[in-house]
C-alpha atoms as a PDB file:
ATOM      1  CA  MET A   1     -72.130 144.734 -99.968  1.00  0.00           C
ATOM      2  CA  PRO A   2     -68.477 144.571-101.046  1.00  0.00           C
ATOM      3  CA  GLY A   3     -67.162 146.851-103.747  1.00  0.00           C
ATOM      4  CA  LYS A   4     -68.736 150.003-105.094  1.00  0.00           C
ATOM      5  CA  SER A   5     -71.558 150.269-107.591  1.00  0.00           C
ATOM      6  CA  HIS A   6     -70.835 152.092-110.824  1.00  0.00           C
ATOM      7  CA  ALA A   7     -72.067 155.681-110.915  1.00  0.00           C
ATOM      8  CA  GLY A   8     -72.226 158.108-113.782  1.00  0.00           C
ATOM      9  CA  PRO A   9     -72.695 157.661-117.526  1.00  0.00           C
ATOM     10  CA  LEU A  10     -72.611 154.156-118.959  1.00  0.00           C
ATOM     11  CA  PRO A  11     -69.684 153.424-121.295  1.00  0.00           C
ATOM     12  CA  PRO A  12     -70.450 153.070-125.012  1.00  0.00           C
ATOM     13  CA  LEU A  13     -70.896 149.546-126.312  1.00  0.00           C
ATOM     14  CA  SER A  14     -68.062 147.931-128.254  1.00  0.00           C
ATOM     15  CA  ASP A  15     -68.730 146.270-131.613  1.00  0.00           C
ATOM     16  CA  GLU A  16     -68.838 142.894-129.862  1.00  0.00           C
ATOM     17  CA  GLU A  17     -71.293 144.197-127.276  1.00  0.00           C
ATOM     18  CA  ARG A  18     -73.526 145.701-129.956  1.00  0.00           C
ATOM     19  CA  ALA A  19     -73.630 142.318-131.693  1.00  0.00           C
ATOM     20  CA  LEU A  20     -74.497 140.714-128.345  1.00  0.00           C
ATOM     21  CA  ALA A  21     -77.249 143.293-127.786  1.00  0.00           C
ATOM     22  CA  GLU A  22     -78.742 142.486-131.177  1.00  0.00           C
ATOM     23  CA  ARG A  23     -78.773 138.753-130.436  1.00  0.00           C
ATOM     24  CA  LEU A  24     -80.416 139.405-127.067  1.00  0.00           C
ATOM     25  CA  ARG A  25     -83.050 141.608-128.687  1.00  0.00           C
ATOM     26  CA  ARG A  26     -83.761 138.942-131.288  1.00  0.00           C
ATOM     27  CA  HIS A  27     -84.223 136.265-128.615  1.00  0.00           C
ATOM     28  CA  VAL A  28     -86.643 138.445-126.652  1.00  0.00           C
ATOM     29  CA  PHE A  29     -88.709 139.477-129.678  1.00  0.00           C
ATOM     30  CA  THR A  30     -88.974 135.911-130.911  1.00  0.00           C
ATOM     31  CA  LEU A  31     -89.892 134.399-127.557  1.00  0.00           C
ATOM     32  CA  ALA A  32     -92.380 137.178-126.758  1.00  0.00           C
ATOM     33  CA  LYS A  33     -94.392 136.870-129.954  1.00  0.00           C
ATOM     34  CA  SER A  34     -96.990 134.940-127.971  1.00  0.00           C
ATOM     35  CA  GLU A  35     -97.737 133.657-124.508  1.00  0.00           C
ATOM     36  CA  ARG A  36     -95.726 130.672-123.272  1.00  0.00           C
ATOM     37  CA  ASN A  37     -98.111 128.690-121.101  1.00  0.00           C
ATOM     38  CA  THR A  38    -100.507 126.498-123.093  1.00  0.00           C
ATOM     39  CA  ASP A  39     -97.952 126.140-125.905  1.00  0.00           C
ATOM     40  CA  LEU A  40     -94.587 125.223-124.414  1.00  0.00           C
ATOM     41  CA  GLU A  41     -93.290 123.317-127.429  1.00  0.00           C
ATOM     42  CA  THR A  42     -92.642 126.416-129.547  1.00  0.00           C
ATOM     43  CA  PRO A  43     -90.310 128.090-127.018  1.00  0.00           C
ATOM     44  CA  VAL A  44     -88.562 124.766-126.370  1.00  0.00           C
ATOM     45  CA  ARG A  45     -87.772 124.400-130.069  1.00  0.00           C
ATOM     46  CA  TYR A  46     -86.481 127.964-130.192  1.00  0.00           C
ATOM     47  CA  ILE A  47     -84.275 127.553-127.123  1.00  0.00           C
ATOM     48  CA  GLU A  48     -82.869 124.270-128.467  1.00  0.00           C
ATOM     49  CA  GLY A  49     -82.064 125.981-131.757  1.00  0.00           C
ATOM     50  CA  ALA A  50     -80.481 128.982-130.055  1.00  0.00           C
ATOM     51  CA  PHE A  51     -78.198 126.722-128.011  1.00  0.00           C
ATOM     52  CA  ALA A  52     -77.328 124.771-131.172  1.00  0.00           C
ATOM     53  CA  ALA A  53     -76.411 128.009-132.967  1.00  0.00           C
ATOM     54  CA  HIS A  54     -73.676 128.427-130.339  1.00  0.00           C
ATOM     55  CA  GLY A  55     -72.415 124.903-130.979  1.00  0.00           C
ATOM     56  CA  LEU A  56     -74.037 123.547-127.813  1.00  0.00           C
ATOM     57  CA  THR A  57     -75.864 120.254-127.438  1.00  0.00           C
ATOM     58  CA  SER A  58     -78.945 120.535-125.276  1.00  0.00           C
ATOM     59  CA  LYS A  59     -80.992 117.777-123.705  1.00  0.00           C
ATOM     60  CA  LEU A  60     -84.609 117.714-122.625  1.00  0.00           C
ATOM     61  CA  GLN A  61     -85.647 116.709-119.145  1.00  0.00           C
ATOM     62  CA  THR A  62     -89.198 115.591-119.851  1.00  0.00           C
ATOM     63  CA  PHE A  63     -91.782 115.208-117.122  1.00  0.00           C
ATOM     64  CA  GLU A  64     -95.546 114.926-116.885  1.00  0.00           C
ATOM     65  CA  SER A  65     -97.565 117.946-115.858  1.00  0.00           C
ATOM     66  CA  GLY A  66    -101.283 118.534-116.123  1.00  0.00           C
ATOM     67  CA  GLY A  67    -101.794 115.435-118.246  1.00  0.00           C
ATOM     68  CA  ARG A  68     -99.117 116.315-120.812  1.00  0.00           C
ATOM     69  CA  ASN A  69     -95.361 116.129-121.186  1.00  0.00           C
ATOM     70  CA  VAL A  70     -93.352 119.310-120.678  1.00  0.00           C
ATOM     71  CA  ASN A  71     -89.614 119.931-120.821  1.00  0.00           C
ATOM     72  CA  ASN A  72     -86.718 121.615-119.110  1.00  0.00           C
ATOM     73  CA  VAL A  73     -83.997 122.414-121.650  1.00  0.00           C
ATOM     74  CA  GLU A  74     -80.485 121.979-120.307  1.00  0.00           C
ATOM     75  CA  VAL A  75     -76.878 122.222-121.409  1.00  0.00           C
ATOM     76  CA  SER A  76     -74.648 120.268-119.045  1.00  0.00           C
ATOM     77  CA  PRO A  77     -70.865 120.123-118.649  1.00  0.00           C
ATOM     78  CA  PRO A  78     -69.028 116.874-119.411  1.00  0.00           C
ATOM     79  CA  ASP A  79     -68.158 116.483-115.731  1.00  0.00           C
ATOM     80  CA  PRO A  80     -70.577 116.781-112.786  1.00  0.00           C
ATOM     81  CA  ALA A  81     -72.065 120.246-112.418  1.00  0.00           C
ATOM     82  CA  ALA A  82     -71.235 122.352-109.357  1.00  0.00           C
ATOM     83  CA  ILE A  83     -73.349 125.365-110.330  1.00  0.00           C
ATOM     84  CA  VAL A  84     -76.791 125.629-111.922  1.00  0.00           C
ATOM     85  CA  VAL A  85     -77.665 128.796-113.845  1.00  0.00           C
ATOM     86  CA  GLY A  86     -81.329 128.847-114.744  1.00  0.00           C
ATOM     87  CA  ALA A  87     -84.234 130.896-116.046  1.00  0.00           C
ATOM     88  CA  HIS A  88     -87.868 129.966-116.512  1.00  0.00           C
ATOM     89  CA  TYR A  89     -89.348 130.346-119.993  1.00  0.00           C
ATOM     90  CA  ASP A  90     -93.091 130.123-119.280  1.00  0.00           C
ATOM     91  CA  THR A  91     -95.374 133.128-118.804  1.00  0.00           C
ATOM     92  CA  VAL A  92     -98.410 134.143-116.820  1.00  0.00           C
ATOM     93  CA  PRO A  93    -101.703 134.062-118.743  1.00  0.00           C
ATOM     94  CA  GLY A  94    -102.352 137.245-120.673  1.00  0.00           C
ATOM     95  CA  SER A  95     -98.728 138.326-121.036  1.00  0.00           C
ATOM     96  CA  PRO A  96     -96.120 137.696-123.745  1.00  0.00           C
ATOM     97  CA  GLY A  97     -93.533 137.785-120.960  1.00  0.00           C
ATOM     98  CA  ALA A  98     -90.891 139.929-122.646  1.00  0.00           C
ATOM     99  CA  ASP A  99     -89.274 140.905-119.370  1.00  0.00           C
ATOM    100  CA  ASP A 100     -90.720 138.046-117.303  1.00  0.00           C
ATOM    101  CA  ASN A 101     -88.934 136.059-118.440  1.00  0.00           C
ATOM    102  CA  ALA A 102     -87.796 136.118-122.084  1.00  0.00           C
ATOM    103  CA  SER A 103     -85.123 138.639-121.105  1.00  0.00           C
ATOM    104  CA  ALA A 104     -83.513 136.176-118.688  1.00  0.00           C
ATOM    105  CA  VAL A 105     -83.809 133.257-121.130  1.00  0.00           C
ATOM    106  CA  ALA A 106     -81.972 135.431-123.654  1.00  0.00           C
ATOM    107  CA  ALA A 107     -79.241 136.052-121.080  1.00  0.00           C
ATOM    108  CA  LEU A 108     -79.084 132.333-120.293  1.00  0.00           C
ATOM    109  CA  ILE A 109     -78.610 131.418-123.958  1.00  0.00           C
ATOM    110  CA  GLU A 110     -75.858 133.966-124.490  1.00  0.00           C
ATOM    111  CA  LEU A 111     -74.053 133.119-121.245  1.00  0.00           C
ATOM    112  CA  ALA A 112     -73.969 129.475-122.266  1.00  0.00           C
ATOM    113  CA  GLY A 113     -72.592 130.450-125.665  1.00  0.00           C
ATOM    114  CA  LEU A 114     -69.941 132.790-124.268  1.00  0.00           C
ATOM    115  CA  LEU A 115     -68.744 130.168-121.786  1.00  0.00           C
ATOM    116  CA  ARG A 116     -68.860 127.261-124.238  1.00  0.00           C
ATOM    117  CA  LYS A 117     -65.089 126.803-124.452  1.00  0.00           C
ATOM    118  CA  GLU A 118     -64.319 127.396-120.789  1.00  0.00           C
ATOM    119  CA  ARG A 119     -65.276 123.898-119.591  1.00  0.00           C
ATOM    120  CA  LEU A 120     -66.663 125.213-116.341  1.00  0.00           C
ATOM    121  CA  PRO A 121     -68.806 122.941-114.129  1.00  0.00           C
ATOM    122  CA  ILE A 122     -71.987 124.877-114.906  1.00  0.00           C
ATOM    123  CA  ARG A 123     -75.347 123.499-116.038  1.00  0.00           C
ATOM    124  CA  PHE A 124     -77.540 125.966-117.905  1.00  0.00           C
ATOM    125  CA  VAL A 125     -81.265 125.211-117.660  1.00  0.00           C
ATOM    126  CA  ALA A 126     -84.377 126.808-119.154  1.00  0.00           C
ATOM    127  CA  PHE A 127     -87.166 125.746-116.798  1.00  0.00           C
ATOM    128  CA  ALA A 128     -90.830 125.063-117.523  1.00  0.00           C
ATOM    129  CA  ASN A 129     -93.707 125.685-115.125  1.00  0.00           C
ATOM    130  CA  GLU A 130     -92.468 128.488-112.891  1.00  0.00           C
ATOM    131  CA  GLU A 131     -95.683 130.491-113.071  1.00  0.00           C
ATOM    132  CA  LEU A 132     -99.127 129.714-111.685  1.00  0.00           C
ATOM    133  CA  PRO A 133    -100.563 127.186-111.091  1.00  0.00           C
ATOM    134  CA  TYR A 134     -97.273 125.292-110.724  1.00  0.00           C
ATOM    135  CA  HIS A 135     -95.029 127.532-108.628  1.00  0.00           C
ATOM    136  CA  MET A 136     -93.648 125.917-105.478  1.00  0.00           C
ATOM    137  CA  GLY A 137     -95.249 122.610-106.363  1.00  0.00           C
ATOM    138  CA  PRO A 138     -93.869 119.255-107.524  1.00  0.00           C
ATOM    139  CA  GLU A 139     -94.641 120.030-111.189  1.00  0.00           C
ATOM    140  CA  MET A 140     -92.509 123.180-111.149  1.00  0.00           C
ATOM    141  CA  GLY A 141     -89.670 122.635-113.615  1.00  0.00           C
ATOM    142  CA  SER A 142     -86.913 123.716-111.251  1.00  0.00           C
ATOM    143  CA  TRP A 143     -88.380 121.473-108.537  1.00  0.00           C
ATOM    144  CA  VAL A 144     -88.193 118.507-110.914  1.00  0.00           C
ATOM    145  CA  SER A 145     -84.607 119.377-111.810  1.00  0.00           C
ATOM    146  CA  ALA A 146     -83.557 119.753-108.165  1.00  0.00           C
ATOM    147  CA  ARG A 147     -85.242 116.499-107.196  1.00  0.00           C
ATOM    148  CA  ARG A 148     -83.214 114.674-109.836  1.00  0.00           C
ATOM    149  CA  SER A 149     -80.026 116.313-108.528  1.00  0.00           C
ATOM    150  CA  ARG A 150     -80.839 115.020-105.058  1.00  0.00           C
ATOM    151  CA  GLU A 151     -81.604 111.528-106.288  1.00  0.00           C
ATOM    152  CA  GLN A 152     -78.309 111.419-108.201  1.00  0.00           C
ATOM    153  CA  ALA A 153     -76.361 112.981-105.300  1.00  0.00           C
ATOM    154  CA  GLU A 154     -74.921 115.657-107.565  1.00  0.00           C
ATOM    155  CA  PRO A 155     -72.236 117.810-105.903  1.00  0.00           C
ATOM    156  CA  LEU A 156     -74.081 121.106-106.453  1.00  0.00           C
ATOM    157  CA  ARG A 157     -72.728 124.094-104.562  1.00  0.00           C
ATOM    158  CA  GLY A 158     -74.869 126.953-105.787  1.00  0.00           C
ATOM    159  CA  MET A 159     -77.729 128.046-108.013  1.00  0.00           C
ATOM    160  CA  ILE A 160     -78.114 131.365-109.822  1.00  0.00           C
ATOM    161  CA  SER A 161     -81.616 132.214-110.995  1.00  0.00           C
ATOM    162  CA  LEU A 162     -81.855 134.816-113.760  1.00  0.00           C
ATOM    163  CA  GLU A 163     -85.082 136.783-113.576  1.00  0.00           C
ATOM    164  CA  MET A 164     -86.533 139.812-115.374  1.00  0.00           C
ATOM    165  CA  LEU A 165     -83.381 141.389-116.818  1.00  0.00           C
ATOM    166  CA  GLY A 166     -84.939 143.464-119.600  1.00  0.00           C
ATOM    167  CA  CYS A 167     -86.123 146.659-117.908  1.00  0.00           C
ATOM    168  CA  TYR A 168     -84.127 149.828-117.300  1.00  0.00           C
ATOM    169  CA  ARG A 169     -85.399 153.219-116.175  1.00  0.00           C
ATOM    170  CA  ASP A 170     -83.514 156.328-115.024  1.00  0.00           C
ATOM    171  CA  GLU A 171     -86.559 158.288-113.891  1.00  0.00           C
ATOM    172  CA  PRO A 172     -86.969 158.959-110.138  1.00  0.00           C
ATOM    173  CA  GLY A 173     -89.659 156.749-108.655  1.00  0.00           C
ATOM    174  CA  SER A 174     -89.275 154.054-111.299  1.00  0.00           C
ATOM    175  CA  GLN A 175     -88.133 151.499-108.667  1.00  0.00           C
ATOM    176  CA  ARG A 176     -90.245 150.367-105.717  1.00  0.00           C
ATOM    177  CA  TYR A 177     -89.525 148.001-102.809  1.00  0.00           C
ATOM    178  CA  PRO A 178     -91.343 146.377 -99.910  1.00  0.00           C
ATOM    179  CA  PRO A 179     -90.509 147.762 -96.431  1.00  0.00           C
ATOM    180  CA  PRO A 180     -87.878 148.056 -95.060  1.00  0.00           C
ATOM    181  CA  LEU A 181     -85.863 147.841 -98.282  1.00  0.00           C
ATOM    182  CA  ASN A 182     -87.489 151.058 -99.534  1.00  0.00           C
ATOM    183  CA  LEU A 183     -85.508 152.934 -96.881  1.00  0.00           C
ATOM    184  CA  ILE A 184     -82.156 151.628 -98.102  1.00  0.00           C
ATOM    185  CA  TYR A 185     -82.087 151.241-101.870  1.00  0.00           C
ATOM    186  CA  PRO A 186     -82.320 153.781-104.734  1.00  0.00           C
ATOM    187  CA  ASN A 187     -85.631 154.717-106.346  1.00  0.00           C
ATOM    188  CA  ARG A 188     -84.397 154.517-109.933  1.00  0.00           C
ATOM    189  CA  GLY A 189     -84.742 151.236-111.807  1.00  0.00           C
ATOM    190  CA  ASN A 190     -81.358 151.405-113.489  1.00  0.00           C
ATOM    191  CA  PHE A 191     -79.369 148.587-111.861  1.00  0.00           C
ATOM    192  CA  ILE A 192     -78.837 144.842-111.725  1.00  0.00           C
ATOM    193  CA  ALA A 193     -79.761 143.288-108.368  1.00  0.00           C
ATOM    194  CA  PHE A 194     -78.181 140.308-106.629  1.00  0.00           C
ATOM    195  CA  VAL A 195     -80.706 138.896-104.148  1.00  0.00           C
ATOM    196  CA  GLY A 196     -80.514 135.995-101.727  1.00  0.00           C
ATOM    197  CA  ASP A 197     -81.550 134.947 -98.253  1.00  0.00           C
ATOM    198  CA  VAL A 198     -79.056 134.877 -95.381  1.00  0.00           C
ATOM    199  CA  GLY A 199     -78.026 131.320 -96.235  1.00  0.00           C
ATOM    200  CA  ALA A 200     -76.768 132.588 -99.594  1.00  0.00           C
ATOM    201  CA  ARG A 201     -74.961 135.593 -98.147  1.00  0.00           C
ATOM    202  CA  ALA A 202     -71.453 134.409 -99.091  1.00  0.00           C
ATOM    203  CA  LEU A 203     -72.518 133.721-102.689  1.00  0.00           C
ATOM    204  CA  VAL A 204     -74.289 137.083-102.968  1.00  0.00           C
ATOM    205  CA  HIS A 205     -71.188 138.879-101.683  1.00  0.00           C
ATOM    206  CA  GLN A 206     -68.822 136.975-103.975  1.00  0.00           C
ATOM    207  CA  ALA A 207     -71.006 137.492-107.028  1.00  0.00           C
ATOM    208  CA  ILE A 208     -71.602 141.210-106.598  1.00  0.00           C
ATOM    209  CA  ALA A 209     -67.948 141.853-105.688  1.00  0.00           C
ATOM    210  CA  SER A 210     -66.818 140.176-108.891  1.00  0.00           C
ATOM    211  CA  PHE A 211     -69.499 141.996-110.895  1.00  0.00           C
ATOM    212  CA  ARG A 212     -68.378 145.350-109.540  1.00  0.00           C
ATOM    213  CA  ARG A 213     -64.727 144.623-110.299  1.00  0.00           C
ATOM    214  CA  ASN A 214     -65.549 143.810-113.901  1.00  0.00           C
ATOM    215  CA  ALA A 215     -68.609 145.891-114.796  1.00  0.00           C
ATOM    216  CA  ARG A 216     -69.251 149.561-115.321  1.00  0.00           C
ATOM    217  CA  PHE A 217     -72.953 149.227-114.590  1.00  0.00           C
ATOM    218  CA  PRO A 218     -74.971 150.019-111.431  1.00  0.00           C
ATOM    219  CA  SER A 219     -75.595 147.111-109.079  1.00  0.00           C
ATOM    220  CA  GLU A 220     -77.307 146.514-105.767  1.00  0.00           C
ATOM    221  CA  GLY A 221     -77.297 143.507-103.474  1.00  0.00           C
ATOM    222  CA  VAL A 222     -79.177 142.150-100.506  1.00  0.00           C
ATOM    223  CA  ALA A 223     -78.995 138.998 -98.388  1.00  0.00           C
ATOM    224  CA  ALA A 224     -81.963 139.245 -96.066  1.00  0.00           C
ATOM    225  CA  PRO A 225     -84.065 136.966 -93.848  1.00  0.00           C
ATOM    226  CA  ALA A 226     -86.619 134.876 -95.684  1.00  0.00           C
ATOM    227  CA  PHE A 227     -89.540 136.673 -94.014  1.00  0.00           C
ATOM    228  CA  VAL A 228     -88.726 139.897 -95.911  1.00  0.00           C
ATOM    229  CA  PRO A 229     -91.245 140.085 -98.787  1.00  0.00           C
ATOM    230  CA  ARG A 230     -89.990 138.618-102.098  1.00  0.00           C
ATOM    231  CA  ILE A 231     -86.649 137.509-100.641  1.00  0.00           C
ATOM    232  CA  HIS A 232     -87.808 133.901-100.423  1.00  0.00           C
ATOM    233  CA  GLY A 233     -90.695 134.054-102.861  1.00  0.00           C
ATOM    234  CA  HIS A 234     -91.356 131.479-105.550  1.00  0.00           C
ATOM    235  CA  ARG A 235     -89.147 133.134-108.129  1.00  0.00           C
ATOM    236  CA  HIS A 236     -86.189 132.925-105.797  1.00  0.00           C
ATOM    237  CA  ARG A 237     -86.832 129.477-104.348  1.00  0.00           C
ATOM    238  CA  VAL A 238     -86.223 127.869-107.703  1.00  0.00           C
ATOM    239  CA  GLN A 239     -84.311 124.993-106.082  1.00  0.00           C
ATOM    240  CA  PRO A 240     -86.398 123.799-103.098  1.00  0.00           C
ATOM    241  CA  LYS A 241     -84.450 122.701-100.024  1.00  0.00           C
ATOM    242  CA  SER A 242     -86.283 119.399 -99.875  1.00  0.00           C
ATOM    243  CA  ALA A 243     -84.898 118.469-103.274  1.00  0.00           C
ATOM    244  CA  LEU A 244     -81.244 119.298-102.606  1.00  0.00           C
ATOM    245  CA  PRO A 245     -78.613 116.594-102.259  1.00  0.00           C
ATOM    246  CA  GLN A 246     -78.027 115.492 -98.673  1.00  0.00           C
ATOM    247  CA  GLY A 247     -75.384 117.556 -96.914  1.00  0.00           C
ATOM    248  CA  GLN A 248     -75.908 120.577 -99.196  1.00  0.00           C
ATOM    249  CA  ARG A 249     -78.920 122.238 -97.588  1.00  0.00           C
ATOM    250  CA  HIS A 250     -77.167 124.636 -95.258  1.00  0.00           C
ATOM    251  CA  GLY A 251     -74.707 127.091 -96.732  1.00  0.00           C
ATOM    252  CA  ARG A 252     -72.944 124.967 -99.316  1.00  0.00           C
ATOM    253  CA  HIS A 253     -75.858 124.987-101.752  1.00  0.00           C
ATOM    254  CA  ALA A 254     -76.676 128.665-101.917  1.00  0.00           C
ATOM    255  CA  ARG A 255     -79.425 130.178-104.042  1.00  0.00           C
ATOM    256  CA  LEU A 256     -78.898 133.573-105.645  1.00  0.00           C
ATOM    257  CA  ARG A 257     -81.285 135.512-107.827  1.00  0.00           C
ATOM    258  CA  ALA A 258     -79.933 138.046-110.301  1.00  0.00           C
ATOM    259  CA  HIS A 259     -82.639 140.300-111.656  1.00  0.00           C
ATOM    260  CA  GLY A 260     -83.311 143.715-113.085  1.00  0.00           C
ATOM    261  CA  ALA A 261     -85.249 146.610-111.708  1.00  0.00           C
ATOM    262  CA  ARG A 262     -89.004 146.256-111.291  1.00  0.00           C
ATOM    263  CA  HIS A 263     -91.283 148.870-112.801  1.00  0.00           C
ATOM    264  CA  PRO A 264     -94.522 149.113-114.793  1.00  0.00           C
ATOM    265  CA  CYS A 265     -93.139 147.516-117.974  1.00  0.00           C
ATOM    266  CA  THR A 266     -92.638 144.177-116.219  1.00  0.00           C
ATOM    267  CA  GLY A 267     -93.828 141.308-118.354  1.00  0.00           C
ATOM    268  CA  GLY A 268     -94.951 143.583-121.167  1.00  0.00           C
ATOM    269  CA  SER A 269     -94.247 143.781-124.858  1.00  0.00           C
ATOM    270  CA  PRO A 270     -90.583 144.024-125.867  1.00  0.00           C
ATOM    271  CA  ALA A 271     -91.445 147.150-127.826  1.00  0.00           C
ATOM    272  CA  ARG A 272     -92.858 148.935-124.808  1.00  0.00           C
ATOM    273  CA  PRO A 273     -90.842 151.997-123.682  1.00  0.00           C
ATOM    274  CA  GLY A 274     -88.305 151.178-120.999  1.00  0.00           C
ATOM    275  CA  CYS A 275     -88.038 147.491-121.942  1.00  0.00           C
ATOM    276  CA  ARG A 276     -84.776 147.155-123.798  1.00  0.00           C
ATOM    277  CA  GLU A 277     -81.551 145.213-123.930  1.00  0.00           C
ATOM    278  CA  SER A 278     -79.558 147.940-122.172  1.00  0.00           C
ATOM    279  CA  LEU A 279     -79.716 145.983-118.923  1.00  0.00           C
ATOM    280  CA  ILE A 280     -79.370 142.468-120.313  1.00  0.00           C
ATOM    281  CA  SER A 281     -76.274 143.172-122.397  1.00  0.00           C
ATOM    282  CA  PRO A 282     -73.994 144.446-119.605  1.00  0.00           C
ATOM    283  CA  THR A 283     -75.351 141.745-117.331  1.00  0.00           C
ATOM    284  CA  VAL A 284     -74.355 138.982-119.722  1.00  0.00           C
ATOM    285  CA  GLY A 285     -71.044 140.599-120.575  1.00  0.00           C
ATOM    286  CA  SER A 286     -70.148 141.236-116.948  1.00  0.00           C
ATOM    287  CA  ILE A 287     -71.032 137.757-115.716  1.00  0.00           C
ATOM    288  CA  TYR A 288     -69.029 136.359-118.614  1.00  0.00           C
ATOM    289  CA  SER A 289     -66.042 138.498-117.612  1.00  0.00           C
ATOM    290  CA  GLN A 290     -66.096 136.777-114.203  1.00  0.00           C
ATOM    291  CA  ARG A 291     -65.405 133.365-115.739  1.00  0.00           C
ATOM    292  CA  THR A 292     -61.788 133.269-114.531  1.00  0.00           C
ATOM    293  CA  GLN A 293     -62.491 134.748-111.103  1.00  0.00           C
ATOM    294  CA  GLY A 294     -63.849 131.534-109.540  1.00  0.00           C
ATOM    295  CA  SER A 295     -66.121 133.616-107.352  1.00  0.00           C
ATOM    296  CA  TYR A 296     -69.090 131.259-107.702  1.00  0.00           C
ATOM    297  CA  LEU A 297     -67.133 128.150-106.871  1.00  0.00           C
ATOM    298  CA  THR A 298     -65.861 128.839-103.366  1.00  0.00           C
ATOM    299  CA  ASP A 299     -67.429 127.894-100.049  1.00  0.00           C
END
């Protein structure tokens, strides 16, 4: 991977970053007050209100699922979008989903707010129906969104999926991987990861290079074959190939997943030790600092 990951103590937060951290914490606590599977209307109303608080107008993409109407919540640029940045807001049964995936929805909201005046060709989407029983099926919210993009021949060039950004651990053994990645990457869950398959290699390299130029926070990256476990799993394949616009299935429409370290607090309560905004805040701030780099918008 290009560039060098940050090593050593993390810099103290500025006043602006502390305010950002507090907003992120508030989003996570509010969203994780209850499960988000049978009741999807409550999180939709919250996400709409959070976008509105940043002066953003969101729209609902409503579709039928399981005999009811559910919604993707999206903020679109005035001109055609070239990049989709998304995060799912639903949860698995039995979990409030603080890390999976309220943390990433919080990051999505704040990224959209920070970039509001930049007029970049980015669509921000909070997706419904990522978890079971909908994942990788036609009622998956990201599948519905991608199918519409194909039907409208949108000139999309990349998708960044935000996933599980709320966990941070410095203890040895707090990070685990499937083989053979366990032989390569660190065993501490204290970094942001940029993950894609080989078709997204250029986007992964561009994104992590820009992150490392602008961020003093540990980062790791991998662009691996799809057969490697979790490289091409349902959380990554948020934009199915079959739904992409014609001519954008090979290379030009790359899919990148940015996520935090995995460890036992995944999906747990936001008050659980190790689940905190220390990872989300630098992630949001660092991606925002890349806004003038253009690294996501090149072939």
